[in-house]
């Protein structure tokens, strides 16, 4: 693999991996960002985080040359699977527990992000 191809792939995959690491970090906290979570509905935070992850996965997959429609579906599946794994991970964090409703909202957020990434250029006329 050429250096430029390796750098391109790093640029594609580093953002979703970093997003996953940030989600994991906050999920590892007993009471993450209490100043925020007391003011903002936690489901909205889930939608936002997983919308970003879904969009980043979609971006990476399209950048790898995967057809846009397939990338959209795969991005939603990957982000949703990560959401399920993250809910399981929370069962090991003191004062946290897995929540099926959180996972559903994670999947919804992933769908919003992947669809937004896909439709954004079309709506912008590109």
N, C-alpha and C. Protein backbone atom coordinates (compact mmCIF):
# COMPACT_ATOMS: atom_id res chain seq x y z
N UNK A 1 0.85 -1.18 0.00
CA UNK A 1 0.00 0.00 0.00
C UNK A 1 0.89 1.24 0.00
N UNK A 2 0.55 2.18 -0.87
CA UNK A 2 1.36 3.39 -0.94
C UNK A 2 1.10 4.26 0.29
N UNK A 3 2.06 5.14 0.55
CA UNK A 3 1.93 6.04 1.71
C UNK A 3 0.70 6.92 1.60
N UNK A 4 0.41 7.42 0.39
CA UNK A 4 -0.75 8.30 0.24
C UNK A 4 -2.04 7.53 0.47
N UNK A 5 -2.09 6.28 0.04
CA UNK A 5 -3.29 5.45 0.28
C UNK A 5 -3.44 5.17 1.78
N UNK A 6 -2.33 4.91 2.45
CA UNK A 6 -2.37 4.68 3.90
C UNK A 6 -2.83 5.90 4.66
N UNK A 7 -2.35 7.08 4.24
CA UNK A 7 -2.78 8.32 4.88
C UNK A 7 -4.26 8.59 4.62
N UNK A 8 -4.71 8.28 3.39
CA UNK A 8 -6.12 8.47 3.07
C UNK A 8 -6.98 7.58 3.97
N UNK A 9 -6.59 6.33 4.10
CA UNK A 9 -7.36 5.40 4.94
C UNK A 9 -7.33 5.84 6.40
N UNK A 10 -6.20 6.32 6.87
CA UNK A 10 -6.11 6.83 8.24
C UNK A 10 -7.07 8.01 8.42
N UNK A 11 -7.11 8.88 7.42
CA UNK A 11 -8.02 10.02 7.48
C UNK A 11 -9.49 9.60 7.44
N UNK A 12 -9.77 8.48 6.80
CA UNK A 12 -11.15 7.98 6.76
C UNK A 12 -11.56 7.32 8.07
N UNK A 13 -10.66 6.53 8.64
CA UNK A 13 -11.05 5.67 9.78
C UNK A 13 -10.69 6.24 11.14
N UNK A 14 -9.76 7.17 11.21
CA UNK A 14 -9.42 7.75 12.52
C UNK A 14 -10.61 8.50 13.15
N UNK A 15 -11.37 9.28 12.38
CA UNK A 15 -12.52 9.97 13.01
C UNK A 15 -13.56 9.03 13.64
N UNK A 16 -14.03 7.96 12.95
CA UNK A 16 -14.99 7.10 13.66
C UNK A 16 -14.38 6.38 14.86
N UNK A 17 -13.12 6.00 14.77
CA UNK A 17 -12.47 5.34 15.91
C UNK A 17 -12.35 6.32 17.07
N UNK A 18 -11.99 7.57 16.79
CA UNK A 18 -11.91 8.58 17.84
C UNK A 18 -13.29 8.82 18.46
N UNK A 19 -14.33 8.86 17.64
CA UNK A 19 -15.68 9.04 18.16
C UNK A 19 -16.08 7.87 19.06
N UNK A 20 -15.75 6.68 18.65
CA UNK A 20 -16.04 5.50 19.47
C UNK A 20 -15.28 5.57 20.79
N UNK A 21 -14.05 6.03 20.77
CA UNK A 21 -13.26 6.16 22.00
C UNK A 21 -13.88 7.19 22.94
N UNK A 22 -14.37 8.29 22.38
CA UNK A 22 -15.01 9.31 23.21
C UNK A 22 -16.29 8.76 23.84
N UNK A 23 -17.09 8.05 23.05
CA UNK A 23 -18.31 7.43 23.58
C UNK A 23 -17.95 6.45 24.69
N UNK A 24 -16.94 5.63 24.46
CA UNK A 24 -16.52 4.64 25.45
C UNK A 24 -16.07 5.34 26.74
N UNK A 25 -15.31 6.42 26.59
CA UNK A 25 -14.84 7.15 27.76
C UNK A 25 -16.02 7.63 28.61
N UNK A 26 -16.97 8.30 27.97
CA UNK A 26 -18.11 8.82 28.73
C UNK A 26 -18.97 7.70 29.29
N UNK A 27 -19.07 6.59 28.59
CA UNK A 27 -19.84 5.44 29.10
C UNK A 27 -19.15 4.77 30.27
N UNK A 28 -17.88 5.01 30.42
CA UNK A 28 -17.13 4.42 31.53
C UNK A 28 -17.28 5.22 32.82
N UNK A 29 -17.89 6.39 32.73
CA UNK A 29 -18.05 7.27 33.88
C UNK A 29 -19.35 6.94 34.61
N UNK A 30 -19.31 6.96 35.93
CA UNK A 30 -20.51 6.71 36.73
C UNK A 30 -21.55 7.80 36.49
N UNK A 31 -21.11 9.04 36.42
CA UNK A 31 -22.02 10.16 36.20
C UNK A 31 -21.35 11.13 35.23
N UNK A 32 -21.38 10.82 33.93
CA UNK A 32 -20.65 11.65 32.97
C UNK A 32 -21.28 13.03 32.79
N UNK A 33 -20.46 14.02 32.82
CA UNK A 33 -20.83 15.41 32.56
C UNK A 33 -22.15 15.79 33.25
N UNK A 34 -22.19 15.75 34.58
CA UNK A 34 -23.45 16.01 35.28
C UNK A 34 -24.03 17.40 35.00
N UNK A 35 -23.17 18.38 34.71
CA UNK A 35 -23.67 19.72 34.40
C UNK A 35 -24.54 19.69 33.14
N UNK A 36 -24.18 18.82 32.20
CA UNK A 36 -24.93 18.71 30.95
C UNK A 36 -26.12 17.77 31.10
N UNK A 37 -25.89 16.63 31.71
CA UNK A 37 -26.94 15.62 31.77
C UNK A 37 -28.11 16.01 32.68
N UNK A 38 -27.92 16.99 33.54
CA UNK A 38 -29.05 17.46 34.34
C UNK A 38 -29.92 18.43 33.56
N UNK A 39 -29.38 18.98 32.46
CA UNK A 39 -30.12 19.97 31.67
C UNK A 39 -30.63 19.43 30.33
N UNK A 40 -29.99 18.39 29.82
CA UNK A 40 -30.33 17.86 28.50
C UNK A 40 -30.77 16.41 28.65
N UNK A 41 -31.88 16.09 28.02
CA UNK A 41 -32.41 14.73 28.05
C UNK A 41 -31.36 13.77 27.52
N UNK A 42 -31.07 12.71 28.25
CA UNK A 42 -29.99 11.80 27.87
C UNK A 42 -30.23 11.16 26.51
N UNK A 43 -31.47 10.95 26.12
CA UNK A 43 -31.75 10.35 24.80
C UNK A 43 -31.29 11.28 23.68
N UNK A 44 -31.41 12.58 23.90
CA UNK A 44 -30.94 13.54 22.90
C UNK A 44 -29.42 13.47 22.77
N UNK A 45 -28.73 13.26 23.88
CA UNK A 45 -27.27 13.10 23.83
C UNK A 45 -26.89 11.84 23.08
N UNK A 46 -27.66 10.76 23.29
CA UNK A 46 -27.41 9.51 22.55
C UNK A 46 -27.61 9.74 21.05
N UNK A 47 -28.70 10.38 20.67
CA UNK A 47 -28.97 10.64 19.25
C UNK A 47 -27.82 11.43 18.65
N UNK A 48 -27.38 12.47 19.33
CA UNK A 48 -26.30 13.31 18.81
C UNK A 48 -25.00 12.55 18.63
N UNK A 49 -24.61 11.81 19.65
CA UNK A 49 -23.34 11.07 19.58
C UNK A 49 -23.37 10.02 18.47
N UNK A 50 -24.46 9.29 18.37
CA UNK A 50 -24.53 8.22 17.38
C UNK A 50 -24.84 8.75 15.98
N UNK A 51 -25.42 9.95 15.86
CA UNK A 51 -25.56 10.57 14.55
C UNK A 51 -24.18 10.91 14.00
N UNK A 52 -23.33 11.43 14.87
CA UNK A 52 -21.95 11.72 14.45
C UNK A 52 -21.26 10.43 14.05
N UNK A 53 -21.39 9.38 14.87
CA UNK A 53 -20.72 8.11 14.55
C UNK A 53 -21.26 7.53 13.25
N UNK A 54 -22.57 7.55 13.05
CA UNK A 54 -23.15 7.03 11.81
C UNK A 54 -22.65 7.78 10.59
N UNK A 55 -22.58 9.11 10.69
CA UNK A 55 -22.08 9.91 9.57
C UNK A 55 -20.60 9.62 9.30
N UNK A 56 -19.82 9.47 10.36
CA UNK A 56 -18.38 9.19 10.18
C UNK A 56 -18.15 7.81 9.59
N UNK A 57 -18.93 6.83 10.01
CA UNK A 57 -18.82 5.50 9.40
C UNK A 57 -19.20 5.56 7.93
N UNK A 58 -20.28 6.26 7.62
CA UNK A 58 -20.73 6.37 6.23
C UNK A 58 -19.66 7.04 5.38
N UNK A 59 -19.08 8.11 5.90
CA UNK A 59 -18.00 8.82 5.20
C UNK A 59 -16.83 7.89 4.91
N UNK A 60 -16.44 7.12 5.92
CA UNK A 60 -15.30 6.22 5.75
C UNK A 60 -15.61 5.13 4.73
N UNK A 61 -16.79 4.57 4.80
CA UNK A 61 -17.15 3.48 3.89
C UNK A 61 -17.26 3.97 2.44
N UNK A 62 -17.86 5.13 2.24
CA UNK A 62 -17.93 5.71 0.89
C UNK A 62 -16.52 6.01 0.40
N UNK A 63 -15.68 6.52 1.29
CA UNK A 63 -14.29 6.81 0.94
C UNK A 63 -13.50 5.57 0.55
N UNK A 64 -13.93 4.42 1.05
CA UNK A 64 -13.29 3.14 0.69
C UNK A 64 -13.81 2.62 -0.65
N UNK A 65 -14.78 3.32 -1.23
CA UNK A 65 -15.29 2.92 -2.53
C UNK A 65 -16.55 2.07 -2.47
N UNK A 66 -17.14 1.95 -1.30
CA UNK A 66 -18.39 1.19 -1.18
C UNK A 66 -19.53 2.04 -1.70
N UNK A 67 -20.42 1.43 -2.47
CA UNK A 67 -21.59 2.11 -3.02
C UNK A 67 -22.34 2.85 -1.91
N UNK A 68 -22.83 4.03 -2.19
CA UNK A 68 -23.44 4.88 -1.17
C UNK A 68 -24.57 4.20 -0.43
N UNK A 69 -25.47 3.53 -1.14
CA UNK A 69 -26.60 2.88 -0.46
C UNK A 69 -26.12 1.77 0.46
N UNK A 70 -25.14 1.00 0.03
CA UNK A 70 -24.58 -0.06 0.87
C UNK A 70 -23.83 0.54 2.05
N UNK A 71 -23.11 1.63 1.83
CA UNK A 71 -22.37 2.29 2.90
C UNK A 71 -23.33 2.81 3.96
N UNK A 72 -24.47 3.35 3.54
CA UNK A 72 -25.46 3.86 4.48
C UNK A 72 -25.95 2.74 5.39
N UNK A 73 -26.34 1.62 4.79
CA UNK A 73 -26.85 0.49 5.58
C UNK A 73 -25.76 -0.05 6.51
N UNK A 74 -24.56 -0.22 5.97
CA UNK A 74 -23.46 -0.76 6.76
C UNK A 74 -23.08 0.20 7.89
N UNK A 75 -23.09 1.50 7.63
CA UNK A 75 -22.77 2.48 8.67
C UNK A 75 -23.77 2.39 9.82
N UNK A 76 -25.05 2.26 9.49
CA UNK A 76 -26.08 2.15 10.53
C UNK A 76 -25.88 0.86 11.32
N UNK A 77 -25.59 -0.23 10.62
CA UNK A 77 -25.36 -1.50 11.31
C UNK A 77 -24.14 -1.45 12.22
N UNK A 78 -23.05 -0.87 11.73
CA UNK A 78 -21.82 -0.78 12.53
C UNK A 78 -22.03 0.09 13.77
N UNK A 79 -22.63 1.26 13.57
CA UNK A 79 -22.85 2.16 14.71
C UNK A 79 -23.84 1.56 15.69
N UNK A 80 -24.87 0.89 15.19
CA UNK A 80 -25.85 0.24 16.07
C UNK A 80 -25.22 -0.90 16.85
N UNK A 81 -24.36 -1.66 16.20
CA UNK A 81 -23.66 -2.74 16.89
C UNK A 81 -22.75 -2.16 17.98
N UNK A 82 -22.09 -1.05 17.67
CA UNK A 82 -21.26 -0.41 18.69
C UNK A 82 -22.13 0.08 19.85
N UNK A 83 -23.30 0.60 19.54
CA UNK A 83 -24.23 1.03 20.60
C UNK A 83 -24.63 -0.13 21.49
N UNK A 84 -24.90 -1.29 20.89
CA UNK A 84 -25.25 -2.48 21.69
C UNK A 84 -24.07 -2.89 22.57
N UNK A 85 -22.89 -2.89 21.99
CA UNK A 85 -21.70 -3.26 22.76
C UNK A 85 -21.46 -2.25 23.90
N UNK A 86 -21.73 -0.98 23.62
CA UNK A 86 -21.55 0.04 24.64
C UNK A 86 -22.57 -0.12 25.77
N UNK A 87 -23.79 -0.48 25.44
CA UNK A 87 -24.79 -0.73 26.49
C UNK A 87 -24.35 -1.92 27.35
N UNK A 88 -23.81 -2.96 26.73
CA UNK A 88 -23.29 -4.10 27.49
C UNK A 88 -22.14 -3.65 28.38
N UNK A 89 -21.24 -2.84 27.82
CA UNK A 89 -20.10 -2.32 28.58
C UNK A 89 -20.58 -1.59 29.85
N UNK A 90 -21.69 -0.89 29.76
CA UNK A 90 -22.18 -0.14 30.91
C UNK A 90 -22.62 -1.04 32.06
N UNK A 91 -22.88 -2.31 31.77
CA UNK A 91 -23.26 -3.23 32.85
C UNK A 91 -22.10 -3.46 33.82
N UNK A 92 -20.90 -3.09 33.43
CA UNK A 92 -19.71 -3.26 34.27
C UNK A 92 -19.31 -1.96 34.97
N UNK A 93 -20.02 -0.88 34.69
CA UNK A 93 -19.69 0.43 35.27
C UNK A 93 -20.57 0.65 36.50
N UNK A 94 -19.95 0.99 37.64
CA UNK A 94 -20.75 1.23 38.85
C UNK A 94 -21.84 2.28 38.60
N UNK A 95 -23.02 2.01 39.11
CA UNK A 95 -24.20 2.88 39.03
C UNK A 95 -24.73 3.07 37.61
N UNK A 96 -24.27 2.25 36.66
CA UNK A 96 -24.78 2.30 35.29
C UNK A 96 -25.36 0.93 34.97
N UNK A 97 -26.25 0.89 34.01
CA UNK A 97 -26.80 -0.38 33.55
C UNK A 97 -27.17 -0.25 32.08
N UNK A 98 -27.19 -1.37 31.38
CA UNK A 98 -27.60 -1.31 29.97
C UNK A 98 -29.07 -0.94 29.88
N UNK A 99 -29.42 -0.26 28.81
CA UNK A 99 -30.79 0.20 28.62
C UNK A 99 -31.17 -0.01 27.15
N UNK A 100 -32.15 -0.86 26.92
CA UNK A 100 -32.60 -1.16 25.56
C UNK A 100 -33.06 0.13 24.86
N UNK A 101 -33.75 0.99 25.58
CA UNK A 101 -34.22 2.25 24.99
C UNK A 101 -33.05 3.11 24.52
N UNK A 102 -31.96 3.11 25.27
CA UNK A 102 -30.77 3.84 24.84
C UNK A 102 -30.24 3.28 23.53
N UNK A 103 -30.22 1.95 23.41
CA UNK A 103 -29.73 1.34 22.18
C UNK A 103 -30.62 1.69 21.00
N UNK A 104 -31.93 1.70 21.20
CA UNK A 104 -32.85 2.07 20.12
C UNK A 104 -32.56 3.51 19.68
N UNK A 105 -32.34 4.39 20.63
CA UNK A 105 -32.04 5.78 20.30
C UNK A 105 -30.67 5.89 19.63
N UNK A 106 -29.72 5.07 20.05
CA UNK A 106 -28.41 5.03 19.38
C UNK A 106 -28.58 4.67 17.91
N UNK A 107 -29.39 3.64 17.64
CA UNK A 107 -29.63 3.21 16.26
C UNK A 107 -30.35 4.30 15.47
N UNK A 108 -31.28 4.99 16.10
CA UNK A 108 -31.96 6.10 15.45
C UNK A 108 -30.97 7.20 15.10
N UNK A 109 -30.12 7.54 16.05
CA UNK A 109 -29.10 8.56 15.80
C UNK A 109 -28.16 8.16 14.68
N UNK A 110 -27.73 6.89 14.68
CA UNK A 110 -26.86 6.40 13.61
C UNK A 110 -27.54 6.53 12.26
N UNK A 111 -28.83 6.23 12.21
CA UNK A 111 -29.59 6.34 10.97
C UNK A 111 -29.66 7.79 10.51
N UNK A 112 -29.93 8.68 11.43
CA UNK A 112 -30.01 10.11 11.10
C UNK A 112 -28.67 10.60 10.55
N UNK A 113 -27.59 10.21 11.21
CA UNK A 113 -26.26 10.66 10.77
C UNK A 113 -25.88 10.10 9.41
N UNK A 114 -26.12 8.82 9.20
CA UNK A 114 -25.75 8.20 7.92
C UNK A 114 -26.61 8.76 6.79
N UNK A 115 -27.90 8.92 7.05
CA UNK A 115 -28.78 9.50 6.02
C UNK A 115 -28.40 10.94 5.75
N UNK A 116 -28.10 11.68 6.81
CA UNK A 116 -27.67 13.07 6.63
C UNK A 116 -26.40 13.17 5.81
N UNK A 117 -25.46 12.28 6.07
CA UNK A 117 -24.21 12.28 5.29
C UNK A 117 -24.49 11.96 3.83
N UNK A 118 -25.42 11.05 3.60
CA UNK A 118 -25.74 10.63 2.24
C UNK A 118 -26.53 11.71 1.49
N UNK A 119 -27.51 12.30 2.15
CA UNK A 119 -28.38 13.27 1.48
C UNK A 119 -27.81 14.68 1.45
N UNK A 120 -26.91 14.98 2.36
CA UNK A 120 -26.36 16.33 2.42
C UNK A 120 -25.83 16.83 1.08
N UNK A 121 -24.94 16.10 0.42
CA UNK A 121 -24.44 16.58 -0.88
C UNK A 121 -25.54 16.65 -1.94
N UNK A 122 -26.49 15.74 -1.88
CA UNK A 122 -27.59 15.78 -2.87
C UNK A 122 -28.43 17.03 -2.68
N UNK A 123 -28.73 17.35 -1.42
CA UNK A 123 -29.54 18.53 -1.14
C UNK A 123 -28.79 19.82 -1.44
N UNK A 124 -27.46 19.74 -1.33
CA UNK A 124 -26.64 20.93 -1.62
C UNK A 124 -26.36 21.07 -3.12
N UNK A 125 -26.85 20.11 -3.91
CA UNK A 125 -26.68 20.18 -5.37
C UNK A 125 -25.34 19.68 -5.85
N UNK A 126 -24.66 18.87 -5.02
CA UNK A 126 -23.36 18.32 -5.44
C UNK A 126 -23.50 16.90 -5.86
